[in-house]
Amino acid sequence: MYDVVYFSSVSENTKRFVEKLGLNSVRIPLKTEEAEHFTYNRDSILVVPTYGSGEEKTTVPKQVIKFLNNPENRKHIKGVIATGNTNFGNSYGLAGDIVSQKLGVPLIQRVELLGTPEDVALVKERLAKLWQTN
């Protein structure tokens, strides 16, 4: 079973979703300079919110980029869950696509804002399958 590493802005939508999963979790710091020095060396699933209107430079939160710039952190990420808002249209969950592709790990699910009970059940099911295959 993997831990969950996540970033959540002050809105805490992503945090509320992660809490619903009931898994061991750790939050990437809000302050960019703290995120740059934050390390987590256990195999994990990364939960990342999507920012902006789909421009790659602003879609993945800076704190997540700083966290992933550390090779030690990157090597422990085994999958990605993207949170976002369907109002972003084609950009919905785009941060998850970007991170998944760059790390070569699966995008497990896109979740609307803080997630519905159906989102939580589907993510738990997909995580269970991922744990079985690794």
C-alpha atoms as a PDB file:
ATOM      1  CA  MET A   1       0.000   0.000   0.000  1.00  0.00           C
ATOM      2  CA  TYR A   2       1.335   3.398  -0.974  1.00  0.00           C
ATOM      3  CA  ASP A   3       1.177   6.631   0.949  1.00  0.00           C
ATOM      4  CA  VAL A   4      -0.418   9.727  -0.521  1.00  0.00           C
ATOM      5  CA  VAL A   5       1.630  12.858  -1.097  1.00  0.00           C
ATOM      6  CA  TYR A   6      -0.509  15.832  -2.030  1.00  0.00           C
ATOM      7  CA  PHE A   7      -0.545  19.545  -2.517  1.00  0.00           C
ATOM      8  CA  SER A   8      -3.551  21.586  -1.513  1.00  0.00           C
ATOM      9  CA  SER A   9      -3.973  25.325  -1.746  1.00  0.00           C
ATOM     10  CA  VAL A  10      -5.607  27.385   0.991  1.00  0.00           C
ATOM     11  CA  SER A  11      -9.025  26.324  -0.386  1.00  0.00           C
ATOM     12  CA  GLU A  12      -8.140  22.838   0.921  1.00  0.00           C
ATOM     13  CA  ASN A  13     -10.362  21.037  -1.616  1.00  0.00           C
ATOM     14  CA  THR A  14      -7.584  18.577  -2.407  1.00  0.00           C
ATOM     15  CA  LYS A  15      -6.909  18.063   1.311  1.00  0.00           C
ATOM     16  CA  ARG A  16     -10.568  17.219   1.911  1.00  0.00           C
ATOM     17  CA  PHE A  17     -10.495  14.706  -0.936  1.00  0.00           C
ATOM     18  CA  VAL A  18      -7.342  13.040   0.411  1.00  0.00           C
ATOM     19  CA  GLU A  19      -8.868  12.811   3.887  1.00  0.00           C
ATOM     20  CA  LYS A  20     -11.825  10.903   2.389  1.00  0.00           C
ATOM     21  CA  LEU A  21      -9.431   8.235   1.121  1.00  0.00           C
ATOM     22  CA  GLY A  22      -8.411   7.393   4.688  1.00  0.00           C
ATOM     23  CA  LEU A  23      -4.820   6.586   3.707  1.00  0.00           C
ATOM     24  CA  ASN A  24      -1.523   7.651   5.246  1.00  0.00           C
ATOM     25  CA  SER A  25      -0.869  11.055   3.714  1.00  0.00           C
ATOM     26  CA  VAL A  26       1.551  13.950   3.814  1.00  0.00           C
ATOM     27  CA  ARG A  27       1.068  17.457   2.461  1.00  0.00           C
ATOM     28  CA  ILE A  28       3.586  19.299   0.318  1.00  0.00           C
ATOM     29  CA  PRO A  29       4.134  22.657   2.057  1.00  0.00           C
ATOM     30  CA  LEU A  30       2.213  25.731   0.911  1.00  0.00           C
ATOM     31  CA  LYS A  31       5.295  27.938   0.796  1.00  0.00           C
ATOM     32  CA  THR A  32       7.298  27.351  -2.370  1.00  0.00           C
ATOM     33  CA  GLU A  33      10.656  27.666  -0.624  1.00  0.00           C
ATOM     34  CA  GLU A  34       9.601  25.024   1.919  1.00  0.00           C
ATOM     35  CA  ALA A  35       8.311  22.719  -0.834  1.00  0.00           C
ATOM     36  CA  GLU A  36      11.704  22.943  -2.527  1.00  0.00           C
ATOM     37  CA  HIS A  37      13.383  21.378   0.513  1.00  0.00           C
ATOM     38  CA  PHE A  38      10.597  18.929   1.397  1.00  0.00           C
ATOM     39  CA  THR A  39      11.493  15.273   0.848  1.00  0.00           C
ATOM     40  CA  TYR A  40       9.447  12.135   1.154  1.00  0.00           C
ATOM     41  CA  ASN A  41      11.212   8.853   0.533  1.00  0.00           C
ATOM     42  CA  ARG A  42       8.362   6.343   0.630  1.00  0.00           C
ATOM     43  CA  ASP A  43       6.520   4.966  -2.396  1.00  0.00           C
ATOM     44  CA  SER A  44       3.540   7.234  -2.921  1.00  0.00           C
ATOM     45  CA  ILE A  45       0.648   8.352  -5.041  1.00  0.00           C
ATOM     46  CA  LEU A  46       0.782  12.069  -5.863  1.00  0.00           C
ATOM     47  CA  VAL A  47      -2.465  14.054  -5.737  1.00  0.00           C
ATOM     48  CA  VAL A  48      -2.107  17.315  -7.611  1.00  0.00           C
ATOM     49  CA  PRO A  49      -4.618  20.109  -8.251  1.00  0.00           C
ATOM     50  CA  THR A  50      -4.798  21.792 -11.650  1.00  0.00           C
ATOM     51  CA  TYR A  51      -4.283  25.537 -11.802  1.00  0.00           C
ATOM     52  CA  GLY A  52      -4.878  28.143 -14.467  1.00  0.00           C
ATOM     53  CA  SER A  53      -6.368  27.831 -17.903  1.00  0.00           C
ATOM     54  CA  GLY A  54      -4.227  25.054 -19.273  1.00  0.00           C
ATOM     55  CA  GLU A  55      -0.937  26.799 -19.944  1.00  0.00           C
ATOM     56  CA  GLU A  56       1.694  24.235 -19.022  1.00  0.00           C
ATOM     57  CA  LYS A  57       3.815  26.753 -17.117  1.00  0.00           C
ATOM     58  CA  THR A  58       0.960  27.592 -14.721  1.00  0.00           C
ATOM     59  CA  THR A  59      -1.072  24.365 -14.629  1.00  0.00           C
ATOM     60  CA  VAL A  60       1.082  22.388 -12.182  1.00  0.00           C
ATOM     61  CA  PRO A  61       1.432  24.263  -8.874  1.00  0.00           C
ATOM     62  CA  LYS A  62       4.936  25.640  -8.289  1.00  0.00           C
ATOM     63  CA  GLN A  63       5.177  23.783  -4.999  1.00  0.00           C
ATOM     64  CA  VAL A  64       4.619  20.462  -6.788  1.00  0.00           C
ATOM     65  CA  ILE A  65       7.243  21.338  -9.401  1.00  0.00           C
ATOM     66  CA  LYS A  66       9.739  22.166  -6.635  1.00  0.00           C
ATOM     67  CA  PHE A  67       8.929  18.888  -4.866  1.00  0.00           C
ATOM     68  CA  LEU A  68       9.357  16.889  -8.088  1.00  0.00           C
ATOM     69  CA  ASN A  69      12.605  18.631  -9.005  1.00  0.00           C
ATOM     70  CA  ASN A  70      14.189  16.457  -6.307  1.00  0.00           C
ATOM     71  CA  PRO A  71      15.090  13.091  -7.930  1.00  0.00           C
ATOM     72  CA  GLU A  72      14.629  11.330  -4.580  1.00  0.00           C
ATOM     73  CA  ASN A  73      11.009  12.492  -4.441  1.00  0.00           C
ATOM     74  CA  ARG A  74      10.331  11.684  -8.107  1.00  0.00           C
ATOM     75  CA  LYS A  75      11.527   8.100  -7.918  1.00  0.00           C
ATOM     76  CA  HIS A  76       8.957   7.249  -5.233  1.00  0.00           C
ATOM     77  CA  ILE A  77       5.879   8.462  -7.130  1.00  0.00           C
ATOM     78  CA  LYS A  78       4.011   5.421  -8.487  1.00  0.00           C
ATOM     79  CA  GLY A  79       0.871   7.122  -9.816  1.00  0.00           C
ATOM     80  CA  VAL A  80      -0.963  10.437 -10.034  1.00  0.00           C
ATOM     81  CA  ILE A  81      -4.466  11.613  -9.172  1.00  0.00           C
ATOM     82  CA  ALA A  82      -5.519  15.002 -10.555  1.00  0.00           C
ATOM     83  CA  THR A  83      -8.039  17.277  -8.918  1.00  0.00           C
ATOM     84  CA  GLY A  84      -9.618  20.165 -10.734  1.00  0.00           C
ATOM     85  CA  ASN A  85     -12.733  21.883 -11.896  1.00  0.00           C
ATOM     86  CA  THR A  86     -14.713  20.770 -14.943  1.00  0.00           C
ATOM     87  CA  ASN A  87     -15.316  24.479 -15.629  1.00  0.00           C
ATOM     88  CA  PHE A  88     -11.736  24.436 -17.004  1.00  0.00           C
ATOM     89  CA  GLY A  89     -13.025  22.421 -19.989  1.00  0.00           C
ATOM     90  CA  ASN A  90     -10.182  20.665 -21.810  1.00  0.00           C
ATOM     91  CA  SER A  91      -7.815  21.768 -19.048  1.00  0.00           C
ATOM     92  CA  TYR A  92      -9.719  19.790 -16.394  1.00  0.00           C
ATOM     93  CA  GLY A  93      -7.154  17.683 -14.519  1.00  0.00           C
ATOM     94  CA  LEU A  94      -4.397  18.690 -16.932  1.00  0.00           C
ATOM     95  CA  ALA A  95      -1.771  18.876 -14.167  1.00  0.00           C
ATOM     96  CA  GLY A  96      -2.227  15.143 -13.670  1.00  0.00           C
ATOM     97  CA  ASP A  97      -1.628  14.455 -17.365  1.00  0.00           C
ATOM     98  CA  ILE A  98       1.531  16.570 -17.347  1.00  0.00           C
ATOM     99  CA  VAL A  99       3.010  14.995 -14.216  1.00  0.00           C
ATOM    100  CA  SER A 100       2.005  11.471 -15.224  1.00  0.00           C
ATOM    101  CA  GLN A 101       3.672  11.843 -18.607  1.00  0.00           C
ATOM    102  CA  LYS A 102       6.846  13.425 -17.238  1.00  0.00           C
ATOM    103  CA  LEU A 103       7.267  10.754 -14.558  1.00  0.00           C
ATOM    104  CA  GLY A 104       6.136   7.823 -16.697  1.00  0.00           C
ATOM    105  CA  VAL A 105       3.552   6.704 -14.129  1.00  0.00           C
ATOM    106  CA  PRO A 106      -0.179   6.118 -14.552  1.00  0.00           C
ATOM    107  CA  LEU A 107      -2.825   8.797 -14.186  1.00  0.00           C
ATOM    108  CA  ILE A 108      -5.176   6.976 -11.847  1.00  0.00           C
ATOM    109  CA  GLN A 109      -8.144   9.347 -11.921  1.00  0.00           C
ATOM    110  CA  ARG A 110      -9.355  12.920 -12.370  1.00  0.00           C
ATOM    111  CA  VAL A 111     -11.467  14.177  -9.475  1.00  0.00           C
ATOM    112  CA  GLU A 112     -13.804  17.176  -9.453  1.00  0.00           C
ATOM    113  CA  LEU A 113     -12.857  19.621  -6.676  1.00  0.00           C
ATOM    114  CA  LEU A 114     -13.056  17.713  -3.369  1.00  0.00           C
ATOM    115  CA  GLY A 115     -14.478  14.531  -4.888  1.00  0.00           C
ATOM    116  CA  THR A 116     -17.816  12.777  -4.739  1.00  0.00           C
ATOM    117  CA  PRO A 117     -18.432   9.498  -2.893  1.00  0.00           C
ATOM    118  CA  GLU A 118     -18.274   7.826  -6.319  1.00  0.00           C
ATOM    119  CA  ASP A 119     -14.850   9.421  -6.976  1.00  0.00           C
ATOM    120  CA  VAL A 120     -13.562   8.134  -3.649  1.00  0.00           C
ATOM    121  CA  ALA A 121     -14.836   4.597  -4.303  1.00  0.00           C
ATOM    122  CA  LEU A 122     -13.368   4.545  -7.831  1.00  0.00           C
ATOM    123  CA  VAL A 123      -9.978   5.834  -6.664  1.00  0.00           C
ATOM    124  CA  LYS A 124      -9.834   3.246  -3.877  1.00  0.00           C
ATOM    125  CA  GLU A 125     -10.670   0.499  -6.392  1.00  0.00           C
ATOM    126  CA  ARG A 126      -8.005   1.682  -8.843  1.00  0.00           C
ATOM    127  CA  LEU A 127      -5.404   2.021  -6.090  1.00  0.00           C
ATOM    128  CA  ALA A 128      -6.123  -1.531  -4.942  1.00  0.00           C
ATOM    129  CA  LYS A 129      -5.481  -2.768  -8.498  1.00  0.00           C
ATOM    130  CA  LEU A 130      -2.277  -0.740  -8.715  1.00  0.00           C
ATOM    131  CA  TRP A 131      -1.032  -2.192  -5.411  1.00  0.00           C
ATOM    132  CA  GLN A 132      -1.704  -5.709  -6.657  1.00  0.00           C
ATOM    133  CA  THR A 133       0.326  -5.204  -9.842  1.00  0.00           C
ATOM    134  CA  ASN A 134       3.369  -3.647  -8.162  1.00  0.00           C
END
